[in-house]
Amino acid sequence: MTATATDSTSRQAWAEEVRRLAEERDAVILAHNYQRPEIQDVAHHTGDSLALSRLAAQVEARTIVFCGVHFMAETAKILAPEKTVLLPDPNAGCSLADTITAEDVRAWKAEHPGAVVVAYVNTTAAVKAETDICCTSSNAADVIRSIPEDREILFLPDQFLGAHVKRVTGRENIHVWMGECHVHAGIDGHTLRERVDSEPDAEVYVHPECGCATSALYLVGSGAVPQERVKVLSTGGMLDAAERTDAAKVLIATETGMLHQLRNANGTTQFEAVNDRAECHYMKMIDPEKLLNSLRNGTTEITVDADVSERARRSVERMVSIGSPSRGGE
């Protein structure tokens, strides 16, 4: 049996070995919604990065194997500092998190003294440590509304989520960092309009990180598409909506790994990607072989500087206390 074998017998043997090693190591396997299907299926828990990090802090297991990207494993370590957190591939990064550094945040704050810094959870621990409060895509608007209206806000790092929050809150004193996830940015308005036109009866779920989020709301506002057909949702919101919908087809504007969870949640609706090339190569870096290696050899342990961790934890805990990140904060 090899970890990369594709036949069902080998896949089952691999999964049994993964679970055996996890029990032996007193480890819990957490997998993000964008991971490979076989990684999602073998994990003890699958979800968005914040929900999984909160689980990491609650589970009794001494070791967390986080199948996601680096900032997610960091967040788990911040919320569960006493646990060992492993990331099966240390090179699994994030193009969005890479668009801003702690130095950038300090310089931006110096230009806007007194402003409140709000950071999307998709950021490094060092950036979170420079932040007043974090947010997810599902509670970003609630976080913004919790801030006095006369206070300037610096929102980072995602420009599309920032623009969405400005629209739904009506706040004008929000400065938005011009970062983006290269995968979500590639799901553009032109592609969305083409798919919506070709599928006149389909519902559309759009992640607010996507480059097409503005176009989606324009289509609704202009009357080109009925409002009930288009929903701007976090990943967890998509899962909730998928469980309730009776639509024959739903078009999904987010990373394609999400389709696996949606299809598992509702076997009668057809779920299709708005852009079937919207695949994050960082998320797909963790494969069966790397997961086995992590469990066998303890690779790769994630650590966070104690001072950075303490400051970052405050901004994350403030986020958790406002609104509801639900099971899908991203």
C-alpha atoms as a PDB file:
ATOM      1  CA  MET A   1       0.000   0.000   0.000  1.00  0.00           C
ATOM      2  CA  THR A   2       1.267   3.466  -0.897  1.00  0.00           C
ATOM      3  CA  ALA A   3      -0.121   6.683   0.499  1.00  0.00           C
ATOM      4  CA  THR A   4      -0.786   8.005  -3.000  1.00  0.00           C
ATOM      5  CA  ALA A   5      -2.627   4.942  -4.278  1.00  0.00           C
ATOM      6  CA  THR A   6      -6.024   5.684  -5.750  1.00  0.00           C
ATOM      7  CA  ASP A   7      -7.857   2.348  -5.638  1.00  0.00           C
ATOM      8  CA  SER A   8     -10.469   2.001  -2.905  1.00  0.00           C
ATOM      9  CA  THR A   9      -8.684  -0.820  -1.046  1.00  0.00           C
ATOM     10  CA  SER A  10      -5.432   1.123  -0.768  1.00  0.00           C
ATOM     11  CA  ARG A  11      -7.313   4.292   0.161  1.00  0.00           C
ATOM     12  CA  GLN A  12      -9.103   2.471   2.968  1.00  0.00           C
ATOM     13  CA  ALA A  13      -5.848   0.949   4.223  1.00  0.00           C
ATOM     14  CA  TRP A  14      -4.224   4.400   4.184  1.00  0.00           C
ATOM     15  CA  ALA A  15      -7.138   5.931   6.102  1.00  0.00           C
ATOM     16  CA  GLU A  16      -7.021   3.161   8.703  1.00  0.00           C
ATOM     17  CA  GLU A  17      -3.279   3.707   9.188  1.00  0.00           C
ATOM     18  CA  VAL A  18      -3.786   7.468   9.543  1.00  0.00           C
ATOM     19  CA  ARG A  19      -6.453   6.978  12.215  1.00  0.00           C
ATOM     20  CA  ARG A  20      -4.334   4.348  14.005  1.00  0.00           C
ATOM     21  CA  LEU A  21      -1.338   6.686  14.141  1.00  0.00           C
ATOM     22  CA  ALA A  22      -3.544   9.564  15.291  1.00  0.00           C
ATOM     23  CA  GLU A  23      -4.841   7.488  18.192  1.00  0.00           C
ATOM     24  CA  GLU A  24      -1.321   6.323  19.034  1.00  0.00           C
ATOM     25  CA  ARG A  25      -0.033   9.892  19.048  1.00  0.00           C
ATOM     26  CA  ASP A  26      -3.098  11.297  20.883  1.00  0.00           C
ATOM     27  CA  ALA A  27      -3.683  13.545  17.891  1.00  0.00           C
ATOM     28  CA  VAL A  28      -6.748  15.081  16.291  1.00  0.00           C
ATOM     29  CA  ILE A  29      -6.709  15.781  12.545  1.00  0.00           C
ATOM     30  CA  LEU A  30      -8.309  19.031  11.428  1.00  0.00           C
ATOM     31  CA  ALA A  31      -8.872  19.687   7.711  1.00  0.00           C
ATOM     32  CA  HIS A  32      -9.878  22.900   6.012  1.00  0.00           C
ATOM     33  CA  ASN A  33     -12.773  22.909   3.535  1.00  0.00           C
ATOM     34  CA  TYR A  34     -10.343  23.552   0.662  1.00  0.00           C
ATOM     35  CA  GLN A  35      -8.180  20.486   1.299  1.00  0.00           C
ATOM     36  CA  ARG A  36      -8.053  17.458  -1.013  1.00  0.00           C
ATOM     37  CA  PRO A  37     -11.188  15.279  -0.665  1.00  0.00           C
ATOM     38  CA  GLU A  38      -9.268  12.321   0.783  1.00  0.00           C
ATOM     39  CA  ILE A  39      -7.757  14.568   3.467  1.00  0.00           C
ATOM     40  CA  GLN A  40     -11.194  15.977   4.345  1.00  0.00           C
ATOM     41  CA  ASP A  41     -12.651  12.474   4.567  1.00  0.00           C
ATOM     42  CA  VAL A  42     -10.009  11.109   6.938  1.00  0.00           C
ATOM     43  CA  ALA A  43      -9.994  14.134   9.245  1.00  0.00           C
ATOM     44  CA  HIS A  44     -11.740  14.068  12.595  1.00  0.00           C
ATOM     45  CA  HIS A  45     -13.155  17.542  11.881  1.00  0.00           C
ATOM     46  CA  THR A  46     -13.520  19.582   8.671  1.00  0.00           C
ATOM     47  CA  GLY A  47     -14.413  23.263   8.497  1.00  0.00           C
ATOM     48  CA  ASP A  48     -13.104  26.811   8.141  1.00  0.00           C
ATOM     49  CA  SER A  49      -9.898  27.988   9.783  1.00  0.00           C
ATOM     50  CA  LEU A  50     -11.475  29.752  12.769  1.00  0.00           C
ATOM     51  CA  ALA A  51     -13.918  26.973  13.613  1.00  0.00           C
ATOM     52  CA  LEU A  52     -11.081  24.460  13.441  1.00  0.00           C
ATOM     53  CA  SER A  53      -8.821  26.620  15.603  1.00  0.00           C
ATOM     54  CA  ARG A  54     -11.548  26.938  18.210  1.00  0.00           C
ATOM     55  CA  LEU A  55     -11.902  23.155  18.121  1.00  0.00           C
ATOM     56  CA  ALA A  56      -8.143  22.868  18.613  1.00  0.00           C
ATOM     57  CA  ALA A  57      -8.489  24.773  21.865  1.00  0.00           C
ATOM     58  CA  GLN A  58     -11.367  22.584  23.046  1.00  0.00           C
ATOM     59  CA  VAL A  59     -10.326  19.034  22.184  1.00  0.00           C
ATOM     60  CA  GLU A  60      -8.571  16.896  24.748  1.00  0.00           C
ATOM     61  CA  ALA A  61      -5.931  15.560  22.348  1.00  0.00           C
ATOM     62  CA  ARG A  62      -2.394  16.733  23.055  1.00  0.00           C
ATOM     63  CA  THR A  63      -1.475  17.072  19.373  1.00  0.00           C
ATOM     64  CA  ILE A  64      -3.234  18.963  16.589  1.00  0.00           C
ATOM     65  CA  VAL A  65      -2.461  17.990  12.997  1.00  0.00           C
ATOM     66  CA  PHE A  66      -3.723  20.971  11.000  1.00  0.00           C
ATOM     67  CA  CYS A  67      -4.333  20.218   7.341  1.00  0.00           C
ATOM     68  CA  GLY A  68      -4.549  23.745   6.021  1.00  0.00           C
ATOM     69  CA  VAL A  69      -2.078  26.581   5.508  1.00  0.00           C
ATOM     70  CA  HIS A  70       0.498  28.179   7.782  1.00  0.00           C
ATOM     71  CA  PHE A  71      -1.546  31.053   9.251  1.00  0.00           C
ATOM     72  CA  MET A  72      -4.284  28.590  10.234  1.00  0.00           C
ATOM     73  CA  ALA A  73      -1.873  26.389  12.164  1.00  0.00           C
ATOM     74  CA  GLU A  74      -0.518  29.552  13.819  1.00  0.00           C
ATOM     75  CA  THR A  75      -4.014  30.575  14.889  1.00  0.00           C
ATOM     76  CA  ALA A  76      -4.584  27.134  16.384  1.00  0.00           C
ATOM     77  CA  LYS A  77      -1.324  27.474  18.326  1.00  0.00           C
ATOM     78  CA  ILE A  78      -2.348  30.940  19.535  1.00  0.00           C
ATOM     79  CA  LEU A  79      -5.648  29.599  20.885  1.00  0.00           C
ATOM     80  CA  ALA A  80      -4.128  26.358  22.206  1.00  0.00           C
ATOM     81  CA  PRO A  81      -0.577  27.301  23.267  1.00  0.00           C
ATOM     82  CA  GLU A  82      -0.184  24.220  25.460  1.00  0.00           C
ATOM     83  CA  LYS A  83      -0.769  21.807  22.577  1.00  0.00           C
ATOM     84  CA  THR A  84       1.628  20.557  19.910  1.00  0.00           C
ATOM     85  CA  VAL A  85       0.455  21.850  16.522  1.00  0.00           C
ATOM     86  CA  LEU A  86       1.730  20.132  13.382  1.00  0.00           C
ATOM     87  CA  LEU A  87       1.462  21.357   9.777  1.00  0.00           C
ATOM     88  CA  PRO A  88       2.180  18.455   7.394  1.00  0.00           C
ATOM     89  CA  ASP A  89       3.784  20.771   4.813  1.00  0.00           C
ATOM     90  CA  PRO A  90       5.522  23.892   6.192  1.00  0.00           C
ATOM     91  CA  ASN A  91       5.532  25.442   2.707  1.00  0.00           C
ATOM     92  CA  ALA A  92       1.738  25.638   2.610  1.00  0.00           C
ATOM     93  CA  GLY A  93       1.409  29.412   2.670  1.00  0.00           C
ATOM     94  CA  CYS A  94      -1.262  31.951   1.706  1.00  0.00           C
ATOM     95  CA  SER A  95      -1.073  34.602  -1.013  1.00  0.00           C
ATOM     96  CA  LEU A  96      -3.532  36.808   0.902  1.00  0.00           C
ATOM     97  CA  ALA A  97      -1.656  36.635   4.211  1.00  0.00           C
ATOM     98  CA  ASP A  98       1.545  37.447   2.308  1.00  0.00           C
ATOM     99  CA  THR A  99       0.175  40.800   1.102  1.00  0.00           C
ATOM    100  CA  ILE A 100       0.830  42.529   4.442  1.00  0.00           C
ATOM    101  CA  THR A 101       3.484  42.355   7.164  1.00  0.00           C
ATOM    102  CA  ALA A 102       3.591  43.537  10.763  1.00  0.00           C
ATOM    103  CA  GLU A 103       5.878  46.384   9.622  1.00  0.00           C
ATOM    104  CA  ASP A 104       3.260  47.416   7.053  1.00  0.00           C
ATOM    105  CA  VAL A 105       0.599  47.553   9.768  1.00  0.00           C
ATOM    106  CA  ARG A 106       2.768  49.665  12.076  1.00  0.00           C
ATOM    107  CA  ALA A 107       3.512  52.124   9.256  1.00  0.00           C
ATOM    108  CA  TRP A 108      -0.181  52.310   8.294  1.00  0.00           C
ATOM    109  CA  LYS A 109      -1.190  52.966  11.906  1.00  0.00           C
ATOM    110  CA  ALA A 110       1.370  55.773  12.099  1.00  0.00           C
ATOM    111  CA  GLU A 111      -0.380  57.449   9.141  1.00  0.00           C
ATOM    112  CA  HIS A 112      -3.769  57.165  10.886  1.00  0.00           C
ATOM    113  CA  PRO A 113      -3.243  57.713  14.620  1.00  0.00           C
ATOM    114  CA  GLY A 114      -6.232  56.635  16.684  1.00  0.00           C
ATOM    115  CA  ALA A 115      -7.689  54.389  13.985  1.00  0.00           C
ATOM    116  CA  VAL A 116      -9.006  50.951  14.916  1.00  0.00           C
ATOM    117  CA  VAL A 117      -7.244  48.129  13.092  1.00  0.00           C
ATOM    118  CA  VAL A 118      -9.483  45.278  11.942  1.00  0.00           C
ATOM    119  CA  ALA A 119      -7.767  42.250  10.415  1.00  0.00           C
ATOM    120  CA  TYR A 120      -9.338  39.381   8.535  1.00  0.00           C
ATOM    121  CA  VAL A 121      -8.393  36.139  10.271  1.00  0.00           C
ATOM    122  CA  ASN A 122      -6.428  35.175   7.123  1.00  0.00           C
ATOM    123  CA  THR A 123      -3.278  36.888   8.418  1.00  0.00           C
ATOM    124  CA  THR A 124      -0.053  35.891  10.142  1.00  0.00           C
ATOM    125  CA  ALA A 125       0.319  35.849  13.921  1.00  0.00           C
ATOM    126  CA  ALA A 126       2.668  38.842  13.688  1.00  0.00           C
ATOM    127  CA  VAL A 127      -0.019  40.874  11.886  1.00  0.00           C
ATOM    128  CA  LYS A 128      -2.710  39.780  14.336  1.00  0.00           C
ATOM    129  CA  ALA A 129      -0.457  41.014  17.151  1.00  0.00           C
ATOM    130  CA  GLU A 130      -0.590  44.536  15.634  1.00  0.00           C
ATOM    131  CA  THR A 131      -4.384  44.372  15.295  1.00  0.00           C
ATOM    132  CA  ASP A 132      -7.125  45.625  17.619  1.00  0.00           C
ATOM    133  CA  ILE A 133      -9.664  43.022  16.562  1.00  0.00           C
ATOM    134  CA  CYS A 134      -9.851  40.217  14.010  1.00  0.00           C
ATOM    135  CA  CYS A 135     -12.882  39.241  11.961  1.00  0.00           C
ATOM    136  CA  THR A 136     -14.171  36.483   9.717  1.00  0.00           C
ATOM    137  CA  SER A 137     -16.207  37.005   6.568  1.00  0.00           C
ATOM    138  CA  SER A 138     -19.355  36.025   8.470  1.00  0.00           C
ATOM    139  CA  ASN A 139     -18.941  38.460  11.371  1.00  0.00           C
ATOM    140  CA  ALA A 140     -16.937  41.255   9.687  1.00  0.00           C
ATOM    141  CA  ALA A 141     -19.963  43.542   9.457  1.00  0.00           C
ATOM    142  CA  ASP A 142     -20.815  42.963  13.135  1.00  0.00           C
ATOM    143  CA  VAL A 143     -17.220  43.734  14.095  1.00  0.00           C
ATOM    144  CA  ILE A 144     -17.337  47.010  12.132  1.00  0.00           C
ATOM    145  CA  ARG A 145     -20.691  47.974  13.686  1.00  0.00           C
ATOM    146  CA  SER A 146     -19.221  47.404  17.162  1.00  0.00           C
ATOM    147  CA  ILE A 147     -16.755  50.250  16.588  1.00  0.00           C
ATOM    148  CA  PRO A 148     -17.943  53.815  17.342  1.00  0.00           C
ATOM    149  CA  GLU A 149     -18.976  55.549  14.120  1.00  0.00           C
ATOM    150  CA  ASP A 150     -16.594  58.451  14.657  1.00  0.00           C
ATOM    151  CA  ARG A 151     -13.530  56.176  14.740  1.00  0.00           C
ATOM    152  CA  GLU A 152     -11.485  55.626  11.606  1.00  0.00           C
ATOM    153  CA  ILE A 153     -11.012  51.968  10.678  1.00  0.00           C
ATOM    154  CA  LEU A 154      -8.072  50.321   8.948  1.00  0.00           C
ATOM    155  CA  PHE A 155      -9.329  47.097   7.364  1.00  0.00           C
ATOM    156  CA  LEU A 156      -6.821  44.527   6.166  1.00  0.00           C
ATOM    157  CA  PRO A 157      -5.705  42.726   4.118  1.00  0.00           C
ATOM    158  CA  ASP A 158      -8.467  41.724   1.666  1.00  0.00           C
ATOM    159  CA  GLN A 159      -9.740  44.487  -0.603  1.00  0.00           C
ATOM    160  CA  PHE A 160     -12.829  42.578  -1.737  1.00  0.00           C
ATOM    161  CA  LEU A 161     -14.021  41.709   1.768  1.00  0.00           C
ATOM    162  CA  GLY A 162     -13.237  45.309   2.770  1.00  0.00           C
ATOM    163  CA  ALA A 163     -15.352  46.666  -0.081  1.00  0.00           C
ATOM    164  CA  HIS A 164     -18.170  44.290   0.857  1.00  0.00           C
ATOM    165  CA  VAL A 165     -18.100  45.430   4.482  1.00  0.00           C
ATOM    166  CA  LYS A 166     -18.208  49.093   3.438  1.00  0.00           C
ATOM    167  CA  ARG A 167     -21.278  48.364   1.293  1.00  0.00           C
ATOM    168  CA  VAL A 168     -23.251  46.480   3.910  1.00  0.00           C
ATOM    169  CA  THR A 169     -22.431  48.795   6.839  1.00  0.00           C
ATOM    170  CA  GLY A 170     -22.552  52.099   4.972  1.00  0.00           C
ATOM    171  CA  ARG A 171     -19.403  53.226   6.795  1.00  0.00           C
ATOM    172  CA  GLU A 172     -17.293  55.669   4.792  1.00  0.00           C
ATOM    173  CA  ASN A 173     -14.414  56.088   7.237  1.00  0.00           C
ATOM    174  CA  ILE A 174     -12.932  52.665   6.441  1.00  0.00           C
ATOM    175  CA  HIS A 175      -9.530  52.514   4.776  1.00  0.00           C
ATOM    176  CA  VAL A 176      -8.978  49.204   2.986  1.00  0.00           C
ATOM    177  CA  TRP A 177      -5.632  47.502   2.363  1.00  0.00           C
ATOM    178  CA  MET A 178      -5.335  46.463  -1.284  1.00  0.00           C
ATOM    179  CA  GLY A 179      -4.508  42.803  -0.744  1.00  0.00           C
ATOM    180  CA  GLU A 180      -6.168  39.812  -2.338  1.00  0.00           C
ATOM    181  CA  CYS A 181      -6.203  36.046  -2.494  1.00  0.00           C
ATOM    182  CA  HIS A 182      -4.955  35.167  -5.977  1.00  0.00           C
ATOM    183  CA  VAL A 183      -7.470  32.326  -6.266  1.00  0.00           C
ATOM    184  CA  HIS A 184     -10.534  34.295  -5.193  1.00  0.00           C
ATOM    185  CA  ALA A 185      -9.451  37.325  -7.211  1.00  0.00           C
ATOM    186  CA  GLY A 186      -9.418  35.104 -10.294  1.00  0.00           C
ATOM    187  CA  ILE A 187     -13.150  34.442  -9.938  1.00  0.00           C
ATOM    188  CA  ASP A 188     -14.035  37.659 -11.717  1.00  0.00           C
ATOM    189  CA  GLY A 189     -17.228  39.452 -12.612  1.00  0.00           C
ATOM    190  CA  HIS A 190     -17.059  38.573 -16.315  1.00  0.00           C
ATOM    191  CA  THR A 191     -16.863  34.860 -15.566  1.00  0.00           C
ATOM    192  CA  LEU A 192     -19.711  35.129 -13.068  1.00  0.00           C
ATOM    193  CA  ARG A 193     -21.967  36.971 -15.508  1.00  0.00           C
ATOM    194  CA  GLU A 194     -21.308  34.369 -18.221  1.00  0.00           C
ATOM    195  CA  ARG A 195     -22.175  31.480 -15.884  1.00  0.00           C
ATOM    196  CA  VAL A 196     -25.284  33.191 -14.506  1.00  0.00           C
ATOM    197  CA  ASP A 197     -26.520  33.927 -18.039  1.00  0.00           C
ATOM    198  CA  SER A 198     -25.943  30.324 -19.109  1.00  0.00           C
ATOM    199  CA  GLU A 199     -27.688  28.894 -16.025  1.00  0.00           C
ATOM    200  CA  PRO A 200     -30.815  31.053 -15.614  1.00  0.00           C
ATOM    201  CA  ASP A 201     -32.398  28.795 -12.978  1.00  0.00           C
ATOM    202  CA  ALA A 202     -29.335  28.151 -10.820  1.00  0.00           C
ATOM    203  CA  GLU A 203     -28.724  29.691  -7.415  1.00  0.00           C
ATOM    204  CA  VAL A 204     -25.362  31.404  -6.884  1.00  0.00           C
ATOM    205  CA  TYR A 205     -23.270  31.359  -3.700  1.00  0.00           C
ATOM    206  CA  VAL A 206     -20.460  33.909  -3.688  1.00  0.00           C
ATOM    207  CA  HIS A 207     -17.665  34.233  -1.144  1.00  0.00           C
ATOM    208  CA  PRO A 208     -17.053  37.938  -0.307  1.00  0.00           C
ATOM    209  CA  GLU A 209     -13.296  37.447  -0.903  1.00  0.00           C
ATOM    210  CA  CYS A 210     -14.004  36.867  -4.589  1.00  0.00           C
ATOM    211  CA  GLY A 211     -13.294  39.426  -7.272  1.00  0.00           C
ATOM    212  CA  CYS A 212     -16.849  38.890  -8.507  1.00  0.00           C
ATOM    213  CA  ALA A 213     -18.591  39.864  -5.258  1.00  0.00           C
ATOM    214  CA  THR A 214     -19.265  43.417  -6.485  1.00  0.00           C
ATOM    215  CA  SER A 215     -20.599  42.066  -9.787  1.00  0.00           C
ATOM    216  CA  ALA A 216     -22.892  39.670  -7.945  1.00  0.00           C
ATOM    217  CA  LEU A 217     -24.453  42.497  -5.958  1.00  0.00           C
ATOM    218  CA  TYR A 218     -24.695  44.641  -9.109  1.00  0.00           C
ATOM    219  CA  LEU A 219     -26.580  41.879 -10.907  1.00  0.00           C
ATOM    220  CA  VAL A 220     -29.050  41.793  -8.041  1.00  0.00           C
ATOM    221  CA  GLY A 221     -29.298  45.566  -7.674  1.00  0.00           C
ATOM    222  CA  SER A 222     -29.878  46.110 -11.387  1.00  0.00           C
ATOM    223  CA  GLY A 223     -32.624  43.512 -11.452  1.00  0.00           C
ATOM    224  CA  ALA A 224     -30.712  41.313 -13.910  1.00  0.00           C
ATOM    225  CA  VAL A 225     -30.854  38.457 -11.438  1.00  0.00           C
ATOM    226  CA  PRO A 226     -33.548  37.912  -8.788  1.00  0.00           C
ATOM    227  CA  GLN A 227     -32.266  38.677  -5.302  1.00  0.00           C
ATOM    228  CA  GLU A 228     -33.220  35.253  -4.000  1.00  0.00           C
ATOM    229  CA  ARG A 229     -30.877  33.590  -6.507  1.00  0.00           C
ATOM    230  CA  VAL A 230     -27.657  35.243  -5.331  1.00  0.00           C
ATOM    231  CA  LYS A 231     -26.202  34.899  -1.846  1.00  0.00           C
ATOM    232  CA  VAL A 232     -22.909  36.352  -0.602  1.00  0.00           C
ATOM    233  CA  LEU A 233     -21.812  33.853   2.058  1.00  0.00           C
ATOM    234  CA  SER A 234     -18.925  32.637   4.165  1.00  0.00           C
ATOM    235  CA  THR A 235     -17.883  29.028   3.612  1.00  0.00           C
ATOM    236  CA  GLY A 236     -19.941  27.951   6.605  1.00  0.00           C
ATOM    237  CA  GLY A 237     -22.847  30.007   5.305  1.00  0.00           C
ATOM    238  CA  MET A 238     -22.580  28.125   2.014  1.00  0.00           C
ATOM    239  CA  LEU A 239     -22.762  24.824   3.862  1.00  0.00           C
ATOM    240  CA  ASP A 240     -25.823  25.938   5.826  1.00  0.00           C
ATOM    241  CA  ALA A 241     -27.531  27.166   2.646  1.00  0.00           C
ATOM    242  CA  ALA A 242     -26.646  23.955   0.780  1.00  0.00           C
ATOM    243  CA  GLU A 243     -28.367  21.853   3.430  1.00  0.00           C
ATOM    244  CA  ARG A 244     -31.573  23.898   3.054  1.00  0.00           C
ATOM    245  CA  THR A 245     -31.766  24.501  -0.704  1.00  0.00           C
ATOM    246  CA  ASP A 246     -34.046  22.575  -3.028  1.00  0.00           C
ATOM    247  CA  ALA A 247     -32.492  24.134  -6.147  1.00  0.00           C
ATOM    248  CA  ALA A 248     -31.546  21.753  -8.943  1.00  0.00           C
ATOM    249  CA  LYS A 249     -28.190  23.496  -9.391  1.00  0.00           C
ATOM    250  CA  VAL A 250     -26.042  25.926  -7.402  1.00  0.00           C
ATOM    251  CA  LEU A 251     -23.035  27.778  -8.813  1.00  0.00           C
ATOM    252  CA  ILE A 252     -20.236  28.237  -6.289  1.00  0.00           C
ATOM    253  CA  ALA A 253     -17.808  31.169  -6.353  1.00  0.00           C
ATOM    254  CA  THR A 254     -14.965  30.123  -4.084  1.00  0.00           C
ATOM    255  CA  GLU A 255     -12.047  27.661  -4.062  1.00  0.00           C
ATOM    256  CA  THR A 256     -13.088  24.375  -5.655  1.00  0.00           C
ATOM    257  CA  GLY A 257     -12.286  22.263  -2.585  1.00  0.00           C
ATOM    258  CA  MET A 258     -15.523  23.543  -1.042  1.00  0.00           C
ATOM    259  CA  LEU A 259     -17.535  21.496  -3.535  1.00  0.00           C
ATOM    260  CA  HIS A 260     -16.704  18.267  -1.707  1.00  0.00           C
ATOM    261  CA  GLN A 261     -18.376  19.400   1.523  1.00  0.00           C
ATOM    262  CA  LEU A 262     -21.376  20.871  -0.289  1.00  0.00           C
ATOM    263  CA  ARG A 263     -21.980  17.668  -2.259  1.00  0.00           C
ATOM    264  CA  ASN A 264     -21.706  15.621   0.923  1.00  0.00           C
ATOM    265  CA  ALA A 265     -24.260  17.911   2.591  1.00  0.00           C
ATOM    266  CA  ASN A 266     -26.821  17.688  -0.219  1.00  0.00           C
ATOM    267  CA  GLY A 267     -26.820  14.797  -2.662  1.00  0.00           C
ATOM    268  CA  THR A 268     -29.821  15.962  -4.694  1.00  0.00           C
ATOM    269  CA  THR A 269     -28.580  19.423  -5.739  1.00  0.00           C
ATOM    270  CA  GLN A 270     -25.855  19.766  -8.381  1.00  0.00           C
ATOM    271  CA  PHE A 271     -23.022  22.012  -7.187  1.00  0.00           C
ATOM    272  CA  GLU A 272     -20.660  23.472  -9.793  1.00  0.00           C
ATOM    273  CA  ALA A 273     -17.776  25.929  -9.586  1.00  0.00           C
ATOM    274  CA  VAL A 274     -18.204  29.328 -11.235  1.00  0.00           C
ATOM    275  CA  ASN A 275     -14.532  28.950 -12.180  1.00  0.00           C
ATOM    276  CA  ASP A 276     -13.338  25.335 -12.133  1.00  0.00           C
ATOM    277  CA  ARG A 277      -9.710  26.531 -12.229  1.00  0.00           C
ATOM    278  CA  ALA A 278     -10.058  28.293  -8.876  1.00  0.00           C
ATOM    279  CA  GLU A 279      -7.759  25.924  -7.024  1.00  0.00           C
ATOM    280  CA  CYS A 280      -5.316  26.979  -4.302  1.00  0.00           C
ATOM    281  CA  HIS A 281      -2.067  25.076  -4.826  1.00  0.00           C
ATOM    282  CA  TYR A 282      -1.065  25.859  -1.236  1.00  0.00           C
ATOM    283  CA  MET A 283      -4.157  24.079   0.082  1.00  0.00           C
ATOM    284  CA  LYS A 284      -3.467  21.076  -2.118  1.00  0.00           C
ATOM    285  CA  MET A 285       0.154  20.733  -0.934  1.00  0.00           C
ATOM    286  CA  ILE A 286      -0.879  18.451   1.920  1.00  0.00           C
ATOM    287  CA  ASP A 287      -1.288  15.018   0.359  1.00  0.00           C
ATOM    288  CA  PRO A 288      -1.774  11.528   1.864  1.00  0.00           C
ATOM    289  CA  GLU A 289       1.972  10.866   2.082  1.00  0.00           C
ATOM    290  CA  LYS A 290       2.673  14.128   3.937  1.00  0.00           C
ATOM    291  CA  LEU A 291      -0.139  13.514   6.410  1.00  0.00           C
ATOM    292  CA  LEU A 292       1.245  10.063   7.207  1.00  0.00           C
ATOM    293  CA  ASN A 293       4.751  11.481   7.561  1.00  0.00           C
ATOM    294  CA  SER A 294       3.514  14.166   9.941  1.00  0.00           C
ATOM    295  CA  LEU A 295       1.866  11.579  12.179  1.00  0.00           C
ATOM    296  CA  ARG A 296       4.858   9.256  12.098  1.00  0.00           C
ATOM    297  CA  ASN A 297       7.618  11.827  12.571  1.00  0.00           C
ATOM    298  CA  GLY A 298       5.956  14.858  14.157  1.00  0.00           C
ATOM    299  CA  THR A 299       6.587  17.134  11.192  1.00  0.00           C
ATOM    300  CA  THR A 300       6.333  20.121  11.122  1.00  0.00           C
ATOM    301  CA  GLU A 301       5.769  21.670  14.559  1.00  0.00           C
ATOM    302  CA  ILE A 302       4.445  25.248  14.517  1.00  0.00           C
ATOM    303  CA  THR A 303       5.594  27.664  17.188  1.00  0.00           C
ATOM    304  CA  VAL A 304       4.663  31.290  17.872  1.00  0.00           C
ATOM    305  CA  ASP A 305       6.708  33.746  19.936  1.00  0.00           C
ATOM    306  CA  ALA A 306       5.114  34.090  23.386  1.00  0.00           C
ATOM    307  CA  ASP A 307       4.714  37.887  23.233  1.00  0.00           C
ATOM    308  CA  VAL A 308       3.322  37.784  19.690  1.00  0.00           C
ATOM    309  CA  SER A 309       0.985  34.969  20.688  1.00  0.00           C
ATOM    310  CA  GLU A 310      -0.379  36.845  23.699  1.00  0.00           C
ATOM    311  CA  ARG A 311      -1.079  40.032  21.718  1.00  0.00           C
ATOM    312  CA  ALA A 312      -2.555  38.124  18.801  1.00  0.00           C
ATOM    313  CA  ARG A 313      -4.777  36.088  21.133  1.00  0.00           C
ATOM    314  CA  ARG A 314      -6.425  39.263  22.420  1.00  0.00           C
ATOM    315  CA  SER A 315      -7.443  40.356  18.922  1.00  0.00           C
ATOM    316  CA  VAL A 316      -8.802  36.887  18.098  1.00  0.00           C
ATOM    317  CA  GLU A 317     -10.729  36.590  21.376  1.00  0.00           C
ATOM    318  CA  ARG A 318     -12.335  40.006  20.792  1.00  0.00           C
ATOM    319  CA  MET A 319     -13.511  38.722  17.418  1.00  0.00           C
ATOM    320  CA  VAL A 320     -15.015  35.582  18.943  1.00  0.00           C
ATOM    321  CA  SER A 321     -17.013  37.692  21.409  1.00  0.00           C
ATOM    322  CA  ILE A 322     -18.723  39.719  18.658  1.00  0.00           C
ATOM    323  CA  GLY A 323     -21.400  38.311  16.404  1.00  0.00           C
ATOM    324  CA  SER A 324     -21.212  34.661  15.481  1.00  0.00           C
ATOM    325  CA  PRO A 325     -18.424  33.228  13.355  1.00  0.00           C
ATOM    326  CA  SER A 326     -20.669  30.163  12.954  1.00  0.00           C
ATOM    327  CA  ARG A 327     -19.155  26.970  11.658  1.00  0.00           C
ATOM    328  CA  GLY A 328     -17.744  28.785   8.661  1.00  0.00           C
ATOM    329  CA  GLY A 329     -16.032  32.009   9.536  1.00  0.00           C
ATOM    330  CA  GLU A 330     -14.250  32.411   6.244  1.00  0.00           C
END
